């Protein structure tokens, strides 16, 4: 049952033109612009590739919450409650959907890096970067799900865009954190997006992700997971 639910949700998401354009196409466009106007050093092309892949994964993960809010608005969540699926399975199914739909966003930016910008890495590095960005996107999927259960469909879209912009900028996904003032660099160290990109960038440099980066990601995953659970319970009383 849960497998069929995930398949249906993934198909619906990938058929969404807005998701394909803004969730997959936009990160690729931004990556190519950032790396071919001004600084076009090979090191920057690699670092920006990981950052823009993380940005794409962030947007795709958050979009899961928009789908949740839309389902809630049309009564689909109410229909799910009368199926054999348990509430936990519904939430897990949504989380799995979010985990699947981030892959095209990641793969598209990495492909642009390899085939357009000529980024070169070992085969294991390509695979490892993809894997850590895929796994590391889980906290943002949970954040999006929490927003979707708590807010209306229209409000969820606005809030998710705000979260996307704030987390991308503060986390240094658009611009190197070295350009930030001192206080903002300190703040960036504690953001999940900065540490998220750091996971992949460490691998491009041939080293394992640092314990600090992994720890920050885990803490945020727990916080966003708790937020998603609380939001789901609240929606259960109103839907």
Protein backbone atom coordinates (compact mmCIF):
# COMPACT_ATOMS: atom_id res chain seq x y z
CA UNK A 1 0.00 0.00 0.00
CA UNK A 2 2.67 2.51 0.98
CA UNK A 3 4.73 1.66 -2.13
CA UNK A 4 1.81 2.43 -4.43
CA UNK A 5 1.15 5.65 -2.55
CA UNK A 6 4.76 6.79 -2.99
CA UNK A 7 4.70 5.90 -6.72
CA UNK A 8 1.51 7.89 -7.25
CA UNK A 9 2.88 10.93 -5.42
CA UNK A 10 6.20 10.84 -7.29
CA UNK A 11 4.43 10.62 -10.66
CA UNK A 12 2.19 13.52 -9.73
CA UNK A 13 5.13 15.67 -8.63
CA UNK A 14 7.26 15.00 -11.72
CA UNK A 15 4.30 15.86 -13.97
CA UNK A 16 4.04 19.27 -12.34
CA UNK A 17 5.42 21.78 -14.85
CA UNK A 18 6.20 24.35 -12.15
CA UNK A 19 8.27 21.78 -10.24
CA UNK A 20 10.25 20.82 -13.35
CA UNK A 21 10.91 24.45 -14.30
CA UNK A 22 11.66 25.95 -10.89
CA UNK A 23 12.72 22.86 -8.94
CA UNK A 24 15.04 21.38 -11.56
CA UNK A 25 15.65 23.97 -14.28
CA UNK A 26 16.24 27.03 -12.08
CA UNK A 27 19.17 25.59 -10.04
CA UNK A 28 20.85 24.53 -13.29
CA UNK A 29 20.40 27.99 -14.83
CA UNK A 30 21.70 29.72 -11.70
CA UNK A 31 24.70 27.41 -11.56
CA UNK A 32 25.66 28.09 -15.18
CA UNK A 33 25.22 31.85 -14.71
CA UNK A 34 27.22 32.00 -11.48
CA UNK A 35 30.11 30.00 -12.92
CA UNK A 36 30.36 31.55 -16.39
CA UNK A 37 30.03 35.24 -15.49
CA UNK A 38 32.98 36.58 -13.54
CA UNK A 39 34.83 33.92 -11.56
CA UNK A 40 35.14 30.81 -13.73
CA UNK A 41 37.97 29.01 -11.94
CA UNK A 42 37.67 25.22 -11.85
CA UNK A 43 37.58 25.17 -8.04
CA UNK A 44 34.65 27.60 -8.04
CA UNK A 45 32.80 25.54 -10.66
CA UNK A 46 33.09 22.48 -8.44
CA UNK A 47 32.14 24.22 -5.20
CA UNK A 48 29.23 26.05 -6.85
CA UNK A 49 28.05 22.81 -8.45
CA UNK A 50 27.64 21.21 -5.03
CA UNK A 51 26.04 24.35 -3.58
CA UNK A 52 23.52 24.65 -6.43
CA UNK A 53 22.75 20.92 -6.27
CA UNK A 54 22.05 21.45 -2.56
CA UNK A 55 19.86 24.44 -3.47
CA UNK A 56 17.91 22.32 -5.94
CA UNK A 57 17.48 19.56 -3.36
CA UNK A 58 16.31 22.12 -0.79
CA UNK A 59 13.61 23.49 -3.10
CA UNK A 60 12.45 20.02 -4.17
CA UNK A 61 12.29 18.82 -0.58
CA UNK A 62 10.27 21.82 0.57
CA UNK A 63 7.84 21.37 -2.33
CA UNK A 64 6.66 18.15 -0.69
CA UNK A 65 4.91 20.31 1.88
CA UNK A 66 3.02 22.20 -0.81
CA UNK A 67 1.59 18.90 -2.00
CA UNK A 68 0.55 18.04 1.56
CA UNK A 69 -1.26 21.37 1.95
CA UNK A 70 -3.04 20.94 -1.39
CA UNK A 71 -4.17 17.43 -0.42
CA UNK A 72 -5.47 18.80 2.84
CA UNK A 73 -7.41 21.53 1.02
CA UNK A 74 -9.18 19.15 -1.38
CA UNK A 75 -10.00 16.59 1.31
CA UNK A 76 -7.49 13.96 0.17
CA UNK A 77 -6.08 13.61 3.68
CA UNK A 78 -9.58 12.85 4.93
CA UNK A 79 -9.86 10.11 2.31
CA UNK A 80 -6.52 8.65 3.35
CA UNK A 81 -7.79 8.33 6.90
CA UNK A 82 -10.43 5.82 5.81
CA UNK A 83 -7.92 3.64 3.91
CA UNK A 84 -5.99 0.78 5.55
CA UNK A 85 -2.94 3.06 5.69
CA UNK A 86 -2.02 4.15 9.18
CA UNK A 87 -1.18 7.82 9.86
CA UNK A 88 2.46 6.88 10.34
CA UNK A 89 2.50 5.26 6.89
CA UNK A 90 1.04 8.39 5.31
CA UNK A 91 3.76 10.57 6.86
CA UNK A 92 6.50 8.08 5.93
CA UNK A 93 5.11 7.90 2.40
CA UNK A 94 5.30 11.65 2.08
CA UNK A 95 8.86 11.68 3.42
CA UNK A 96 9.85 8.98 0.93
CA UNK A 97 8.24 10.98 -1.88
CA UNK A 98 10.31 13.97 -0.89
CA UNK A 99 13.44 11.82 -0.83
CA UNK A 100 12.76 10.59 -4.36
CA UNK A 101 11.93 13.91 -6.00
CA UNK A 102 15.14 15.58 -4.80
CA UNK A 103 17.20 13.23 -6.97
CA UNK A 104 16.34 14.84 -10.36
CA UNK A 105 17.24 18.27 -8.98
CA UNK A 106 20.59 17.00 -7.72
CA UNK A 107 21.34 14.99 -10.86
CA UNK A 108 20.53 17.89 -13.21
CA UNK A 109 23.04 20.25 -11.57
CA UNK A 110 25.73 17.58 -11.34
CA UNK A 111 25.19 16.76 -15.03
CA UNK A 112 25.59 20.45 -15.91
CA UNK A 113 28.82 20.50 -13.95
CA UNK A 114 30.19 17.44 -15.73
CA UNK A 115 29.03 18.04 -19.30
CA UNK A 116 28.86 21.83 -19.56
CA UNK A 117 31.46 23.14 -17.09
CA UNK A 118 33.87 20.24 -17.40
CA UNK A 119 34.03 19.38 -13.70
CA UNK A 120 36.12 16.25 -13.23
CA UNK A 121 36.03 13.88 -10.27
CA UNK A 122 36.51 10.19 -9.64
CA UNK A 123 33.48 7.96 -10.19
CA UNK A 124 33.18 7.27 -6.46
CA UNK A 125 33.12 11.00 -5.76
CA UNK A 126 30.19 11.57 -8.11
CA UNK A 127 28.31 8.72 -6.48
CA UNK A 128 29.19 9.84 -2.95
CA UNK A 129 28.21 13.48 -3.56
CA UNK A 130 24.86 12.35 -4.95
CA UNK A 131 24.30 10.04 -1.98
CA UNK A 132 25.14 12.55 0.77
CA UNK A 133 23.04 15.31 -0.83
CA UNK A 134 20.16 12.88 -1.22
CA UNK A 135 20.33 11.73 2.40
CA UNK A 136 21.12 15.20 3.73
CA UNK A 137 17.94 16.64 2.19
CA UNK A 138 15.75 14.78 4.70
CA UNK A 139 15.55 17.65 7.25
CA UNK A 140 14.17 19.97 4.57
CA UNK A 141 11.59 17.42 3.51
CA UNK A 142 10.43 17.22 7.12
CA UNK A 143 10.30 21.02 7.33
CA UNK A 144 8.17 21.17 4.19
CA UNK A 145 5.84 18.44 5.47
CA UNK A 146 5.45 20.28 8.78
CA UNK A 147 4.53 23.48 6.95
CA UNK A 148 2.06 21.61 4.76
CA UNK A 149 0.20 20.02 7.66
CA UNK A 150 0.13 23.22 9.69
CA UNK A 151 -0.68 25.85 7.05
CA UNK A 152 -3.13 26.41 4.20
CA UNK A 153 -2.06 25.61 0.63
CA UNK A 154 -1.48 29.26 -0.31
CA UNK A 155 0.34 30.09 2.91
CA UNK A 156 2.49 26.97 2.63
CA UNK A 157 3.73 28.06 -0.79
CA UNK A 158 4.67 31.51 0.48
CA UNK A 159 6.33 30.18 3.65
CA UNK A 160 8.28 27.55 1.70
CA UNK A 161 9.59 30.21 -0.69
CA UNK A 162 10.64 32.28 2.31
CA UNK A 163 12.35 29.30 3.93
CA UNK A 164 14.09 28.49 0.66
CA UNK A 165 15.47 32.02 0.22
CA UNK A 166 16.48 32.48 3.85
CA UNK A 167 18.17 29.10 4.18
CA UNK A 168 19.90 29.40 0.79
CA UNK A 169 21.35 32.83 1.45
CA UNK A 170 22.27 32.26 5.12
CA UNK A 171 23.75 28.87 4.28
CA UNK A 172 26.01 30.25 1.55
CA UNK A 173 24.45 28.29 -1.31
CA UNK A 174 24.35 31.30 -3.63
CA UNK A 175 27.49 33.12 -2.52
CA UNK A 176 30.63 31.88 -0.72
CA UNK A 177 30.43 32.38 3.04
CA UNK A 178 33.90 33.92 2.87
CA UNK A 179 32.21 37.03 1.46
CA UNK A 180 29.93 37.34 4.51
CA UNK A 181 30.62 39.68 7.43
CA UNK A 182 31.98 37.95 10.53
CA UNK A 183 28.69 37.65 12.41
CA UNK A 184 26.96 36.13 9.38
CA UNK A 185 29.74 33.59 8.87
CA UNK A 186 29.27 32.49 12.48
CA UNK A 187 25.51 32.22 11.99
CA UNK A 188 26.00 30.27 8.77
CA UNK A 189 27.94 27.56 10.60
CA UNK A 190 24.79 26.62 12.47
CA UNK A 191 22.45 26.57 9.49
CA UNK A 192 21.46 23.19 8.06
CA UNK A 193 22.00 24.39 4.49
CA UNK A 194 25.63 25.41 5.00
CA UNK A 195 26.46 22.09 6.61
CA UNK A 196 24.39 20.30 3.97
CA UNK A 197 26.54 21.70 1.16
CA UNK A 198 29.65 21.08 3.25
CA UNK A 199 28.91 17.34 3.17
CA UNK A 200 29.26 17.26 -0.60
CA UNK A 201 32.11 19.75 -0.83
CA UNK A 202 34.22 17.67 1.55
CA UNK A 203 33.87 14.70 -0.80
CA UNK A 204 34.91 16.76 -3.84
CA UNK A 205 38.10 17.54 -1.93
CA UNK A 206 38.72 13.86 -1.30
CA UNK A 207 37.88 13.80 2.40
CA UNK A 208 35.03 12.48 4.53
CA UNK A 209 32.33 14.86 5.83
CA UNK A 210 33.30 16.36 9.18
CA UNK A 211 31.64 15.34 12.43
CA UNK A 212 30.46 18.91 13.05
CA UNK A 213 28.60 19.02 9.72
CA UNK A 214 26.93 15.67 10.33
CA UNK A 215 25.98 16.64 13.88
CA UNK A 216 24.34 19.90 12.81
CA UNK A 217 22.34 18.09 10.11
CA UNK A 218 21.16 15.43 12.59
CA UNK A 219 20.06 18.05 15.14
CA UNK A 220 18.06 19.94 12.53
CA UNK A 221 16.53 16.69 11.26
CA UNK A 222 15.29 15.93 14.78
CA UNK A 223 13.90 19.46 15.22
CA UNK A 224 12.14 19.50 11.86
CA UNK A 225 10.93 15.93 12.42
CA UNK A 226 9.35 16.94 15.73
CA UNK A 227 7.76 19.93 13.97
CA UNK A 228 6.28 17.64 11.30
CA UNK A 229 4.83 15.28 13.92
CA UNK A 230 3.27 18.10 15.94
CA UNK A 231 1.83 19.66 12.77
CA UNK A 232 0.36 16.33 11.65
CA UNK A 233 -1.30 15.79 15.01
CA UNK A 234 -2.75 19.28 14.85
CA UNK A 235 -4.12 18.66 11.36
CA UNK A 236 -5.71 15.41 12.56
CA UNK A 237 -7.93 17.44 14.86
CA UNK A 238 -9.10 19.79 12.12
CA UNK A 239 -9.20 17.73 8.89
